[in-house]
Amino acid sequence: MATFIDIGLIITSIALIASVILQSKGGGLGGLTGADSGSVFTARRGIERVLFRVTIALSVLFFVLALTALFLGR
């Protein structure tokens, strides 16, 4: 059982990292140019909304798996 939880944590963490990186919108080092890139609010539409919700779901799943591993004595 603990092996399945460990594998689930690894897969979930890799997917969570990928989803966070995909949300960066190419901003990267935009703060260094002097432009305030965070001042404009844009609504999430289409794939951005799906990616945002997938990131939230993956983070909740990761948290639950981590707590389960903790309570199983890992």
PDB file of N, CA and C in Angstrom:
ATOM      1  N   MET A   1       0.827  -1.203   0.000  1.00  0.00           N
ATOM      2  CA  MET A   1       0.000   0.000   0.000  1.00  0.00           C
ATOM      3  C   MET A   1       0.863   1.256   0.000  1.00  0.00           C
ATOM      4  N   ALA A   2       1.914   1.246   0.803  1.00  0.00           N
ATOM      5  CA  ALA A   2       2.778   2.420   0.883  1.00  0.00           C
ATOM      6  C   ALA A   2       3.498   2.667  -0.437  1.00  0.00           C
ATOM      7  N   THR A   3       3.808   1.598  -1.165  1.00  0.00           N
ATOM      8  CA  THR A   3       4.476   1.748  -2.459  1.00  0.00           C
ATOM      9  C   THR A   3       3.574   2.469  -3.445  1.00  0.00           C
ATOM     10  N   PHE A   4       2.281   2.144  -3.435  1.00  0.00           N
ATOM     11  CA  PHE A   4       1.339   2.816  -4.333  1.00  0.00           C
ATOM     12  C   PHE A   4       1.207   4.291  -3.990  1.00  0.00           C
ATOM     13  N   ILE A   5       1.237   4.613  -2.715  1.00  0.00           N
ATOM     14  CA  ILE A   5       1.148   6.014  -2.301  1.00  0.00           C
ATOM     15  C   ILE A   5       2.404   6.768  -2.727  1.00  0.00           C
ATOM     16  N   ASP A   6       3.567   6.129  -2.574  1.00  0.00           N
ATOM     17  CA  ASP A   6       4.813   6.767  -3.003  1.00  0.00           C
ATOM     18  C   ASP A   6       4.820   7.017  -4.509  1.00  0.00           C
ATOM     19  N   ILE A   7       4.383   6.037  -5.271  1.00  0.00           N
ATOM     20  CA  ILE A   7       4.311   6.208  -6.727  1.00  0.00           C
ATOM     21  C   ILE A   7       3.311   7.302  -7.086  1.00  0.00           C
ATOM     22  N   GLY A   8       2.179   7.331  -6.392  1.00  0.00           N
ATOM     23  CA  GLY A   8       1.187   8.377  -6.615  1.00  0.00           C
ATOM     24  C   GLY A   8       1.726   9.759  -6.298  1.00  0.00           C
ATOM     25  N   LEU A   9       2.512   9.875  -5.230  1.00  0.00           N
ATOM     26  CA  LEU A   9       3.120  11.161  -4.880  1.00  0.00           C
ATOM     27  C   LEU A   9       4.113  11.609  -5.947  1.00  0.00           C
ATOM     28  N   ILE A  10       4.893  10.685  -6.467  1.00  0.00           N
ATOM     29  CA  ILE A  10       5.868  11.043  -7.498  1.00  0.00           C
ATOM     30  C   ILE A  10       5.167  11.516  -8.763  1.00  0.00           C
ATOM     31  N   ILE A  11       4.171  10.770  -9.204  1.00  0.00           N
ATOM     32  CA  ILE A  11       3.446  11.133 -10.426  1.00  0.00           C
ATOM     33  C   ILE A  11       2.709  12.451 -10.249  1.00  0.00           C
ATOM     34  N   THR A  12       2.062  12.619  -9.097  1.00  0.00           N
ATOM     35  CA  THR A  12       1.323  13.845  -8.830  1.00  0.00           C
ATOM     36  C   THR A  12       2.255  15.055  -8.755  1.00  0.00           C
ATOM     37  N   SER A  13       3.407  14.882  -8.132  1.00  0.00           N
ATOM     38  CA  SER A  13       4.334  16.011  -8.015  1.00  0.00           C
ATOM     39  C   SER A  13       4.883  16.424  -9.379  1.00  0.00           C
ATOM     40  N   ILE A  14       5.195  15.455 -10.243  1.00  0.00           N
ATOM     41  CA  ILE A  14       5.680  15.789 -11.581  1.00  0.00           C
ATOM     42  C   ILE A  14       4.588  16.508 -12.385  1.00  0.00           C
ATOM     43  N   ALA A  15       3.357  16.021 -12.289  1.00  0.00           N
ATOM     44  CA  ALA A  15       2.249  16.665 -13.007  1.00  0.00           C
ATOM     45  C   ALA A  15       1.973  18.064 -12.456  1.00  0.00           C
ATOM     46  N   LEU A  16       2.105  18.242 -11.146  1.00  0.00           N
ATOM     47  CA  LEU A  16       1.884  19.548 -10.534  1.00  0.00           C
ATOM     48  C   LEU A  16       2.957  20.541 -10.969  1.00  0.00           C
ATOM     49  N   ILE A  17       4.193  20.106 -11.013  1.00  0.00           N
ATOM     50  CA  ILE A  17       5.281  20.970 -11.473  1.00  0.00           C
ATOM     51  C   ILE A  17       5.046  21.378 -12.924  1.00  0.00           C
ATOM     52  N   ALA A  18       4.654  20.428 -13.755  1.00  0.00           N
ATOM     53  CA  ALA A  18       4.407  20.728 -15.166  1.00  0.00           C
ATOM     54  C   ALA A  18       3.257  21.714 -15.336  1.00  0.00           C
ATOM     55  N   SER A  19       2.189  21.541 -14.567  1.00  0.00           N
ATOM     56  CA  SER A  19       1.045  22.444 -14.711  1.00  0.00           C
ATOM     57  C   SER A  19       1.373  23.858 -14.240  1.00  0.00           C
ATOM     58  N   VAL A  20       2.206  23.986 -13.218  1.00  0.00           N
ATOM     59  CA  VAL A  20       2.600  25.318 -12.756  1.00  0.00           C
ATOM     60  C   VAL A  20       3.509  25.990 -13.787  1.00  0.00           C
ATOM     61  N   ILE A  21       4.417  25.230 -14.365  1.00  0.00           N
ATOM     62  CA  ILE A  21       5.308  25.797 -15.381  1.00  0.00           C
ATOM     63  C   ILE A  21       4.521  26.230 -16.615  1.00  0.00           C
ATOM     64  N   LEU A  22       3.517  25.466 -17.011  1.00  0.00           N
ATOM     65  CA  LEU A  22       2.720  25.815 -18.183  1.00  0.00           C
ATOM     66  C   LEU A  22       1.894  27.077 -17.969  1.00  0.00           C
ATOM     67  N   GLN A  23       1.638  27.443 -16.721  1.00  0.00           N
ATOM     68  CA  GLN A  23       0.840  28.636 -16.434  1.00  0.00           C
ATOM     69  C   GLN A  23       1.648  29.919 -16.483  1.00  0.00           C
ATOM     70  N   SER A  24       2.935  29.850 -16.670  1.00  0.00           N
ATOM     71  CA  SER A  24       3.782  31.038 -16.574  1.00  0.00           C
ATOM     72  C   SER A  24       3.495  32.070 -17.657  1.00  0.00           C
ATOM     73  N   LYS A  25       2.848  31.695 -18.759  1.00  0.00           N
ATOM     74  CA  LYS A  25       2.440  32.597 -19.846  1.00  0.00           C
ATOM     75  C   LYS A  25       3.618  33.304 -20.495  1.00  0.00           C
ATOM     76  N   GLY A  26       4.793  32.775 -20.380  1.00  0.00           N
ATOM     77  CA  GLY A  26       5.948  33.393 -21.015  1.00  0.00           C
ATOM     78  C   GLY A  26       6.404  34.659 -20.346  1.00  0.00           C
ATOM     79  N   GLY A  27       5.926  34.955 -19.153  1.00  0.00           N
ATOM     80  CA  GLY A  27       6.326  36.167 -18.450  1.00  0.00           C
ATOM     81  C   GLY A  27       7.779  36.125 -18.051  1.00  0.00           C
ATOM     82  N   GLY A  28       8.217  35.003 -17.555  1.00  0.00           N
ATOM     83  CA  GLY A  28       9.612  34.779 -17.219  1.00  0.00           C
ATOM     84  C   GLY A  28      10.253  35.912 -16.450  1.00  0.00           C
ATOM     85  N   LEU A  29      11.143  36.631 -17.098  1.00  0.00           N
ATOM     86  CA  LEU A  29      11.877  37.723 -16.476  1.00  0.00           C
ATOM     87  C   LEU A  29      11.264  39.072 -16.813  1.00  0.00           C
ATOM     88  N   GLY A  30       9.963  39.123 -16.981  1.00  0.00           N
ATOM     89  CA  GLY A  30       9.289  40.354 -17.368  1.00  0.00           C
ATOM     90  C   GLY A  30       9.429  41.466 -16.358  1.00  0.00           C
ATOM     91  N   GLY A  31       9.645  41.133 -15.100  1.00  0.00           N
ATOM     92  CA  GLY A  31       9.806  42.155 -14.086  1.00  0.00           C
ATOM     93  C   GLY A  31      11.101  42.941 -14.234  1.00  0.00           C
ATOM     94  N   LEU A  32      12.072  42.393 -14.951  1.00  0.00           N
ATOM     95  CA  LEU A  32      13.348  43.080 -15.111  1.00  0.00           C
ATOM     96  C   LEU A  32      13.300  44.181 -16.151  1.00  0.00           C
ATOM     97  N   THR A  33      12.296  44.180 -16.998  1.00  0.00           N
ATOM     98  CA  THR A  33      12.216  45.185 -18.056  1.00  0.00           C
ATOM     99  C   THR A  33      11.627  46.498 -17.577  1.00  0.00           C
ATOM    100  N   GLY A  34      11.104  46.536 -16.391  1.00  0.00           N
ATOM    101  CA  GLY A  34      10.522  47.756 -15.865  1.00  0.00           C
ATOM    102  C   GLY A  34       9.018  47.814 -16.007  1.00  0.00           C
ATOM    103  N   ALA A  35       8.447  46.954 -16.819  1.00  0.00           N
ATOM    104  CA  ALA A  35       6.996  46.942 -16.992  1.00  0.00           C
ATOM    105  C   ALA A  35       6.364  46.167 -15.837  1.00  0.00           C
ATOM    106  N   ASP A  36       5.257  46.672 -15.347  1.00  0.00           N
ATOM    107  CA  ASP A  36       4.544  46.003 -14.265  1.00  0.00           C
ATOM    108  C   ASP A  36       3.569  45.009 -14.878  1.00  0.00           C
ATOM    109  N   SER A  37       3.986  43.756 -15.013  1.00  0.00           N
ATOM    110  CA  SER A  37       3.165  42.765 -15.713  1.00  0.00           C
ATOM    111  C   SER A  37       2.010  42.255 -14.866  1.00  0.00           C
ATOM    112  N   GLY A  38       2.010  42.502 -13.564  1.00  0.00           N
ATOM    113  CA  GLY A  38       0.958  41.982 -12.711  1.00  0.00           C
ATOM    114  C   GLY A  38      -0.192  42.941 -12.496  1.00  0.00           C
ATOM    115  N   SER A  39      -0.161  44.104 -13.106  1.00  0.00           N
ATOM    116  CA  SER A  39      -1.179  45.109 -12.827  1.00  0.00           C
ATOM    117  C   SER A  39      -2.441  44.935 -13.665  1.00  0.00           C
ATOM    118  N   VAL A  40      -2.388  44.175 -14.733  1.00  0.00           N
ATOM    119  CA  VAL A  40      -3.535  44.013 -15.612  1.00  0.00           C
ATOM    120  C   VAL A  40      -4.198  42.680 -15.321  1.00  0.00           C
ATOM    121  N   PHE A  41      -5.490  42.724 -15.007  1.00  0.00           N
ATOM    122  CA  PHE A  41      -6.239  41.503 -14.742  1.00  0.00           C
ATOM    123  C   PHE A  41      -6.886  41.018 -16.028  1.00  0.00           C
ATOM    124  N   THR A  42      -6.685  39.758 -16.332  1.00  0.00           N
ATOM    125  CA  THR A  42      -7.355  39.149 -17.478  1.00  0.00           C
ATOM    126  C   THR A  42      -8.101  37.917 -17.007  1.00  0.00           C
ATOM    127  N   ALA A  43      -9.278  37.704 -17.541  1.00  0.00           N
ATOM    128  CA  ALA A  43     -10.084  36.547 -17.174  1.00  0.00           C
ATOM    129  C   ALA A  43      -9.501  35.305 -17.827  1.00  0.00           C
ATOM    130  N   ARG A  44      -9.577  34.208 -17.081  1.00  0.00           N
ATOM    131  CA  ARG A  44      -9.094  32.937 -17.627  1.00  0.00           C
ATOM    132  C   ARG A  44     -10.170  32.356 -18.529  1.00  0.00           C
ATOM    133  N   ARG A  45      -9.757  31.998 -19.733  1.00  0.00           N
ATOM    134  CA  ARG A  45     -10.687  31.408 -20.682  1.00  0.00           C
ATOM    135  C   ARG A  45     -10.044  30.192 -21.319  1.00  0.00           C
ATOM    136  N   GLY A  46     -10.864  29.250 -21.722  1.00  0.00           N
ATOM    137  CA  GLY A  46     -10.406  28.104 -22.480  1.00  0.00           C
ATOM    138  C   GLY A  46      -9.421  27.240 -21.733  1.00  0.00           C
ATOM    139  N   ILE A  47      -8.259  27.052 -22.337  1.00  0.00           N
ATOM    140  CA  ILE A  47      -7.269  26.148 -21.779  1.00  0.00           C
ATOM    141  C   ILE A  47      -6.659  26.707 -20.500  1.00  0.00           C
ATOM    142  N   GLU A  48      -6.611  28.034 -20.356  1.00  0.00           N
ATOM    143  CA  GLU A  48      -6.084  28.623 -19.126  1.00  0.00           C
ATOM    144  C   GLU A  48      -6.949  28.253 -17.929  1.00  0.00           C
ATOM    145  N   ARG A  49      -8.255  28.277 -18.101  1.00  0.00           N
ATOM    146  CA  ARG A  49      -9.173  27.927 -17.021  1.00  0.00           C
ATOM    147  C   ARG A  49      -9.036  26.446 -16.663  1.00  0.00           C
ATOM    148  N   VAL A  50      -8.943  25.601 -17.695  1.00  0.00           N
ATOM    149  CA  VAL A  50      -8.792  24.159 -17.458  1.00  0.00           C
ATOM    150  C   VAL A  50      -7.483  23.884 -16.741  1.00  0.00           C
ATOM    151  N   LEU A  51      -6.403  24.509 -17.171  1.00  0.00           N
ATOM    152  CA  LEU A  51      -5.106  24.310 -16.551  1.00  0.00           C
ATOM    153  C   LEU A  51      -5.099  24.804 -15.108  1.00  0.00           C
ATOM    154  N   PHE A  52      -5.782  25.910 -14.843  1.00  0.00           N
ATOM    155  CA  PHE A  52      -5.886  26.437 -13.481  1.00  0.00           C
ATOM    156  C   PHE A  52      -6.611  25.451 -12.572  1.00  0.00           C
ATOM    157  N   ARG A  53      -7.712  24.888 -13.055  1.00  0.00           N
ATOM    158  CA  ARG A  53      -8.479  23.929 -12.247  1.00  0.00           C
ATOM    159  C   ARG A  53      -7.733  22.614 -12.074  1.00  0.00           C
ATOM    160  N   VAL A  54      -7.009  22.192 -13.092  1.00  0.00           N
ATOM    161  CA  VAL A  54      -6.203  20.972 -12.979  1.00  0.00           C
ATOM    162  C   VAL A  54      -5.105  21.169 -11.944  1.00  0.00           C
ATOM    163  N   THR A  55      -4.506  22.343 -11.912  1.00  0.00           N
ATOM    164  CA  THR A  55      -3.469  22.640 -10.923  1.00  0.00           C
ATOM    165  C   THR A  55      -4.039  22.590  -9.508  1.00  0.00           C
ATOM    166  N   ILE A  56      -5.217  23.131  -9.315  1.00  0.00           N
ATOM    167  CA  ILE A  56      -5.850  23.085  -7.997  1.00  0.00           C
ATOM    168  C   ILE A  56      -6.155  21.641  -7.606  1.00  0.00           C
ATOM    169  N   ALA A  57      -6.699  20.859  -8.527  1.00  0.00           N
ATOM    170  CA  ALA A  57      -7.021  19.460  -8.242  1.00  0.00           C
ATOM    171  C   ALA A  57      -5.763  18.655  -7.921  1.00  0.00           C
ATOM    172  N   LEU A  58      -4.701  18.885  -8.674  1.00  0.00           N
ATOM    173  CA  LEU A  58      -3.455  18.173  -8.408  1.00  0.00           C
ATOM    174  C   LEU A  58      -2.856  18.552  -7.066  1.00  0.00           C
ATOM    175  N   SER A  59      -2.964  19.811  -6.687  1.00  0.00           N
ATOM    176  CA  SER A  59      -2.431  20.224  -5.387  1.00  0.00           C
ATOM    177  C   SER A  59      -3.225  19.615  -4.242  1.00  0.00           C
ATOM    178  N   VAL A  60      -4.536  19.521  -4.388  1.00  0.00           N
ATOM    179  CA  VAL A  60      -5.358  18.879  -3.358  1.00  0.00           C
ATOM    180  C   VAL A  60      -5.026  17.390  -3.277  1.00  0.00           C
ATOM    181  N   LEU A  61      -4.888  16.745  -4.428  1.00  0.00           N
ATOM    182  CA  LEU A  61      -4.535  15.328  -4.455  1.00  0.00           C
ATOM    183  C   LEU A  61      -3.169  15.091  -3.826  1.00  0.00           C
ATOM    184  N   PHE A  62      -2.203  15.949  -4.123  1.00  0.00           N
ATOM    185  CA  PHE A  62      -0.875  15.822  -3.528  1.00  0.00           C
ATOM    186  C   PHE A  62      -0.940  15.971  -2.014  1.00  0.00           C
ATOM    187  N   PHE A  63      -1.704  16.925  -1.537  1.00  0.00           N
ATOM    188  CA  PHE A  63      -1.847  17.147  -0.097  1.00  0.00           C
ATOM    189  C   PHE A  63      -2.476  15.940   0.589  1.00  0.00           C
ATOM    190  N   VAL A  64      -3.517  15.372  -0.021  1.00  0.00           N
ATOM    191  CA  VAL A  64      -4.182  14.196   0.551  1.00  0.00           C
ATOM    192  C   VAL A  64      -3.233  12.998   0.573  1.00  0.00           C
ATOM    193  N   LEU A  65      -2.501  12.790  -0.515  1.00  0.00           N
ATOM    194  CA  LEU A  65      -1.549  11.682  -0.555  1.00  0.00           C
ATOM    195  C   LEU A  65      -0.427  11.864   0.470  1.00  0.00           C
ATOM    196  N   ALA A  66       0.043  13.091   0.644  1.00  0.00           N
ATOM    197  CA  ALA A  66       1.089  13.347   1.623  1.00  0.00           C
ATOM    198  C   ALA A  66       0.589  13.089   3.041  1.00  0.00           C
ATOM    199  N   LEU A  67      -0.636  13.510   3.334  1.00  0.00           N
ATOM    200  CA  LEU A  67      -1.191  13.234   4.662  1.00  0.00           C
ATOM    201  C   LEU A  67      -1.421  11.740   4.871  1.00  0.00           C
ATOM    202  N   THR A  68      -1.845  11.054   3.828  1.00  0.00           N
ATOM    203  CA  THR A  68      -2.054   9.607   3.929  1.00  0.00           C
ATOM    204  C   THR A  68      -0.728   8.905   4.197  1.00  0.00           C
ATOM    205  N   ALA A  69       0.325   9.313   3.515  1.00  0.00           N
ATOM    206  CA  ALA A  69       1.641   8.724   3.755  1.00  0.00           C
ATOM    207  C   ALA A  69       2.124   9.017   5.177  1.00  0.00           C
ATOM    208  N   LEU A  70       1.807  10.202   5.667  1.00  0.00           N
ATOM    209  CA  LEU A  70       2.199  10.562   7.026  1.00  0.00           C
ATOM    210  C   LEU A  70       1.480   9.702   8.054  1.00  0.00           C
ATOM    211  N   PHE A  71       0.181   9.506   7.868  1.00  0.00           N
ATOM    212  CA  PHE A  71      -0.592   8.725   8.828  1.00  0.00           C
ATOM    213  C   PHE A  71      -0.303   7.232   8.759  1.00  0.00           C
ATOM    214  N   LEU A  72       0.216   6.760   7.635  1.00  0.00           N
ATOM    215  CA  LEU A  72       0.600   5.361   7.534  1.00  0.00           C
ATOM    216  C   LEU A  72       1.969   5.087   8.138  1.00  0.00           C
ATOM    217  N   GLY A  73       2.628   6.132   8.574  1.00  0.00           N
ATOM    218  CA  GLY A  73       3.894   5.964   9.274  1.00  0.00           C
ATOM    219  C   GLY A  73       5.099   5.953   8.366  1.00  0.00           C
ATOM    220  N   ARG A  74       5.021   6.592   7.246  1.00  0.00           N
ATOM    221  CA  ARG A  74       6.159   6.625   6.333  1.00  0.00           C
ATOM    222  C   ARG A  74       7.126   7.627   6.794  1.00  0.00           C
TER     223      ARG A  74
END
